[in-house]
Amino acid sequence: MSIKEAAQRAHANLLNTTDPEALERINHFAFEEVNDEIDLPERTKMLSTLAYLLGMQGKEEYEVMLPVALDNGVSPVEAKEVLYQAVDYLGLGRVFPFFKITNEILTKRGVKLPLPGQATTNMDNRLTKGEETQMRLFGPGMKDFAKKGTINKWLVDNCFGDYYTRKGLDDQDREMITFCYLAAQGGVEPQLLAHAKANLALGNDAEFLKKIVLQNVPFIGYPRSLNAITVINEAMKNN
């Protein structure tokens, strides 16, 4: 079942009896007008939407859309990788409730948990591998970044060493979902700009990033979407 059909049906099950007029406009805008206008692979659309919903703390909508994602190109491993990486950008306090939602949905679908491991680092080499990954994504200027302070070290060994080194998603996927977490949060424009530049460097060009933003306007709303477009335009000036 397509994104349009699955998402419209899921929202109709929740709103058709109580809010038919709202449902008409929601389903038309989000899953016809926007979905038909934005030319992206279904998997990409759904990865970005899961990351946006995590970033904006849309637990109920995430619960609706995760099955749609799993039916439209996102594997259980990929869904879990979006969830895991969110811990570093949103914090455990905001992400932890999504573990329960995700595990319940996967279990109901007959997915055996835990999933196969995706880690490629261990506690001994995560700092080294994290630095290698950070330099690959942000350039040689990140050499010895971990030596500049405690939080810098944690960014290298935890953010990049623990998560970006995992299998399940590639660099382009990971930078794209990071952009989504940040755009959905709002108020983190310096970090959003840095990751917009990282996306551009990896080949996720400005047109692609703008499509990602537009795809998720129905979920995040206009103010933060407009801010994200502004940041992309700024990143292009310095690219």
Protein backbone atom coordinates (compact mmCIF):
# COMPACT_ATOMS: atom_id res chain seq x y z
CA MET A 1 0.00 0.00 0.00
CA SER A 2 1.40 3.42 -1.00
CA ILE A 3 2.25 6.21 1.42
CA LYS A 4 -0.86 8.08 0.28
CA GLU A 5 -3.22 5.16 0.77
CA ALA A 6 -1.73 3.91 4.03
CA ALA A 7 -1.42 7.32 5.66
CA GLN A 8 -4.87 8.48 4.61
CA ARG A 9 -6.43 5.27 5.91
CA ALA A 10 -4.56 5.49 9.23
CA HIS A 11 -5.67 9.08 9.82
CA ALA A 12 -9.22 8.30 8.74
CA ASN A 13 -9.39 5.56 11.36
CA LEU A 14 -8.59 8.19 14.00
CA LEU A 15 -10.51 11.23 12.77
CA ASN A 16 -13.30 10.26 10.40
CA THR A 17 -16.02 10.00 13.05
CA THR A 18 -15.06 12.96 15.21
CA ASP A 19 -13.33 15.43 12.88
CA PRO A 20 -14.37 14.77 9.28
CA GLU A 21 -13.79 18.31 8.03
CA ALA A 22 -10.28 18.47 9.50
CA LEU A 23 -9.55 15.00 8.14
CA GLU A 24 -10.56 16.05 4.62
CA ARG A 25 -8.03 18.90 4.56
CA ILE A 26 -5.29 17.02 6.43
CA ASN A 27 -5.44 14.00 4.16
CA HIS A 28 -5.65 16.10 1.02
CA PHE A 29 -2.77 18.43 1.88
CA ALA A 30 -0.33 16.04 3.56
CA PHE A 31 -0.87 12.91 1.54
CA GLU A 32 -2.08 14.16 -1.85
CA GLU A 33 -0.93 17.71 -2.54
CA VAL A 34 2.44 17.53 -0.78
CA ASN A 35 3.13 13.85 -1.39
CA ASP A 36 2.33 14.16 -5.10
CA GLU A 37 4.34 17.37 -5.54
CA ILE A 38 7.59 16.21 -3.91
CA ASP A 39 9.65 13.95 -6.13
CA LEU A 40 11.65 11.79 -3.75
CA PRO A 41 11.92 8.01 -3.27
CA GLU A 42 9.33 6.73 -0.82
CA ARG A 43 12.05 5.38 1.47
CA THR A 44 13.67 8.81 1.65
CA LYS A 45 10.36 10.49 2.38
CA MET A 46 9.65 8.10 5.21
CA LEU A 47 13.14 8.23 6.75
CA SER A 48 12.91 12.00 6.83
CA THR A 49 9.42 11.96 8.32
CA LEU A 50 10.41 9.60 11.12
CA ALA A 51 13.36 11.88 11.94
CA TYR A 52 11.17 14.98 11.84
CA LEU A 53 8.59 13.40 14.14
CA LEU A 54 11.31 12.45 16.60
CA GLY A 55 12.71 15.95 16.46
CA MET A 56 9.35 17.61 17.11
CA GLN A 57 8.31 15.03 19.74
CA GLY A 58 5.30 13.92 17.71
CA LYS A 59 4.81 10.62 19.52
CA GLU A 60 1.23 10.01 18.44
CA GLU A 61 1.91 10.88 14.80
CA TYR A 62 5.09 8.76 14.88
CA GLU A 63 2.97 5.85 16.06
CA VAL A 64 0.69 6.39 13.06
CA MET A 65 3.46 6.88 10.51
CA LEU A 66 5.98 4.22 11.54
CA PRO A 67 3.84 1.39 10.08
CA VAL A 68 3.43 3.46 6.91
CA ALA A 69 7.21 3.81 6.73
CA LEU A 70 7.74 0.09 7.27
CA ASP A 71 5.35 -0.63 4.39
CA ASN A 72 7.06 1.87 2.08
CA GLY A 73 10.74 1.11 1.86
CA VAL A 74 12.05 1.53 5.42
CA SER A 75 13.38 -1.67 7.00
CA PRO A 76 13.16 -2.39 10.74
CA VAL A 77 16.94 -1.91 10.97
CA GLU A 78 16.72 1.49 9.28
CA ALA A 79 13.86 2.59 11.53
CA LYS A 80 15.89 1.61 14.59
CA GLU A 81 18.94 3.48 13.30
CA VAL A 82 16.87 6.67 12.96
CA LEU A 83 15.73 6.12 16.54
CA TYR A 84 19.19 5.40 17.95
CA GLN A 85 20.94 8.34 16.29
CA ALA A 86 18.25 10.69 17.61
CA VAL A 87 19.55 10.15 21.16
CA ASP A 88 22.60 12.33 20.49
CA TYR A 89 20.67 15.17 18.86
CA LEU A 90 17.52 15.21 20.98
CA GLY A 91 18.66 13.67 24.25
CA LEU A 92 17.63 10.44 25.90
CA GLY A 93 14.85 12.15 27.85
CA ARG A 94 13.03 13.02 24.64
CA VAL A 95 13.83 9.88 22.66
CA PHE A 96 13.22 7.19 25.28
CA PRO A 97 9.39 7.12 24.89
CA PHE A 98 9.86 6.35 21.19
CA PHE A 99 11.69 3.10 22.04
CA LYS A 100 8.49 1.69 23.53
CA ILE A 101 6.38 2.79 20.56
CA THR A 102 8.85 1.36 18.05
CA ASN A 103 9.34 -1.94 19.85
CA GLU A 104 5.59 -2.47 20.24
CA ILE A 105 4.94 -1.83 16.56
CA LEU A 106 7.78 -4.08 15.40
CA THR A 107 6.72 -6.87 17.76
CA LYS A 108 3.11 -6.70 16.54
CA ARG A 109 4.42 -7.07 12.99
CA GLY A 110 6.29 -10.24 13.93
CA VAL A 111 9.77 -8.73 13.94
CA LYS A 112 12.06 -10.56 16.35
CA LEU A 113 13.90 -8.28 18.76
CA PRO A 114 16.67 -7.47 19.28
CA LEU A 115 17.56 -6.91 15.64
CA PRO A 116 20.95 -8.01 14.30
CA GLY A 117 23.73 -5.81 15.68
CA GLN A 118 24.95 -2.92 13.54
CA ALA A 119 27.84 -1.62 15.66
CA THR A 120 31.29 -1.49 14.03
CA THR A 121 33.17 0.01 16.99
CA ASN A 122 33.90 -1.06 20.53
CA MET A 123 34.72 0.76 23.75
CA ASP A 124 38.43 0.71 22.91
CA ASN A 125 38.33 2.20 19.40
CA ARG A 126 35.21 4.40 19.37
CA LEU A 127 37.21 7.61 19.89
CA THR A 128 39.62 6.85 17.06
CA LYS A 129 36.88 5.73 14.70
CA GLY A 130 34.74 8.68 15.71
CA GLU A 131 37.52 11.10 14.79
CA GLU A 132 37.99 9.36 11.44
CA THR A 133 34.27 9.69 10.75
CA GLN A 134 34.08 13.31 11.87
CA MET A 135 37.01 14.22 9.60
CA ARG A 136 35.41 12.37 6.68
CA LEU A 137 32.20 14.35 7.09
CA PHE A 138 33.49 17.76 8.14
CA GLY A 139 37.04 17.86 6.83
CA PRO A 140 40.62 17.60 8.15
CA GLY A 141 40.09 20.60 10.40
CA MET A 142 38.34 18.25 12.84
CA LYS A 143 41.66 16.55 13.64
CA ASP A 144 42.22 16.64 17.43
CA PHE A 145 38.79 18.20 18.00
CA ALA A 146 38.39 15.82 20.95
CA LYS A 147 41.29 17.50 22.74
CA LYS A 148 39.52 20.87 22.95
CA GLY A 149 37.30 19.99 25.89
CA THR A 150 35.18 17.33 27.56
CA ILE A 151 32.05 17.91 25.48
CA ASN A 152 34.20 17.93 22.34
CA LYS A 153 35.55 14.51 23.26
CA TRP A 154 32.04 13.23 23.85
CA LEU A 155 30.95 14.51 20.45
CA VAL A 156 33.74 12.49 18.87
CA ASP A 157 33.52 9.20 20.76
CA ASN A 158 29.78 9.17 21.45
CA CYS A 159 28.05 11.01 18.60
CA PHE A 160 30.38 10.00 15.81
CA GLY A 161 32.09 6.93 17.28
CA ASP A 162 28.98 5.26 18.67
CA TYR A 163 26.36 6.18 16.06
CA TYR A 164 27.74 7.45 12.75
CA THR A 165 29.96 4.37 12.48
CA ARG A 166 27.02 1.98 12.63
CA LYS A 167 25.79 -0.01 9.67
CA GLY A 168 22.16 0.20 8.54
CA LEU A 169 22.33 3.74 7.10
CA ASP A 170 25.05 5.36 5.01
CA ASP A 171 26.65 8.77 5.50
CA GLN A 172 24.14 10.53 3.25
CA ASP A 173 21.20 9.01 5.11
CA ARG A 174 22.68 9.89 8.49
CA GLU A 175 23.40 13.50 7.60
CA MET A 176 19.94 13.85 6.09
CA ILE A 177 18.18 12.60 9.21
CA THR A 178 20.41 14.76 11.41
CA PHE A 179 19.29 17.78 9.39
CA CYS A 180 15.69 16.68 10.04
CA TYR A 181 16.14 16.29 13.81
CA LEU A 182 17.62 19.78 14.01
CA ALA A 183 15.13 21.47 11.68
CA ALA A 184 12.28 19.97 13.70
CA GLN A 185 13.67 21.17 17.03
CA GLY A 186 14.06 24.81 16.09
CA GLY A 187 16.39 27.18 17.91
CA VAL A 188 19.52 25.30 16.85
CA GLU A 189 20.25 27.16 13.63
CA PRO A 190 24.07 27.20 14.06
CA GLN A 191 24.09 23.40 14.23
CA LEU A 192 21.51 23.18 11.43
CA LEU A 193 23.76 25.31 9.21
CA ALA A 194 26.79 23.10 9.94
CA HIS A 195 24.86 19.98 9.01
CA ALA A 196 23.33 21.62 5.94
CA LYS A 197 26.91 22.21 4.77
CA ALA A 198 27.84 18.61 5.60
CA ASN A 199 24.87 17.40 3.55
CA LEU A 200 25.96 19.51 0.59
CA ALA A 201 29.50 18.15 0.83
CA LEU A 202 28.20 14.58 0.78
CA GLY A 203 26.08 15.14 -2.32
CA ASN A 204 22.72 15.85 -0.66
CA ASP A 205 22.37 19.03 -2.69
CA ALA A 206 20.24 22.08 -1.91
CA GLU A 207 17.39 20.93 -4.13
CA PHE A 208 17.30 17.62 -2.28
CA LEU A 209 17.36 19.27 1.16
CA LYS A 210 14.59 21.67 0.19
CA LYS A 211 12.47 18.74 -0.97
CA ILE A 212 13.07 17.08 2.40
CA VAL A 213 11.82 20.21 4.15
CA LEU A 214 8.78 20.57 1.89
CA GLN A 215 7.88 16.89 2.29
CA ASN A 216 7.55 17.47 6.03
CA VAL A 217 5.76 20.83 6.14
CA PRO A 218 2.49 19.08 7.11
CA PHE A 219 4.17 17.53 10.13
CA ILE A 220 6.30 20.41 11.41
CA GLY A 221 4.39 23.50 10.20
CA TYR A 222 5.47 26.58 8.31
CA PRO A 223 7.66 28.61 10.72
CA ARG A 224 10.35 25.97 11.26
CA SER A 225 10.12 24.88 7.63
CA LEU A 226 10.75 28.43 6.44
CA ASN A 227 13.67 28.72 8.87
CA ALA A 228 15.16 25.51 7.48
CA ILE A 229 14.89 26.82 3.90
CA THR A 230 16.66 30.01 5.00
CA VAL A 231 19.49 27.94 6.50
CA ILE A 232 19.85 25.89 3.31
CA ASN A 233 20.14 29.09 1.28
CA GLU A 234 22.79 30.36 3.69
CA ALA A 235 24.72 27.08 3.39
CA MET A 236 24.71 27.44 -0.40
CA LYS A 237 26.39 30.86 -0.18
CA ASN A 238 29.35 29.38 1.68
CA ASN A 239 29.59 26.11 -0.17
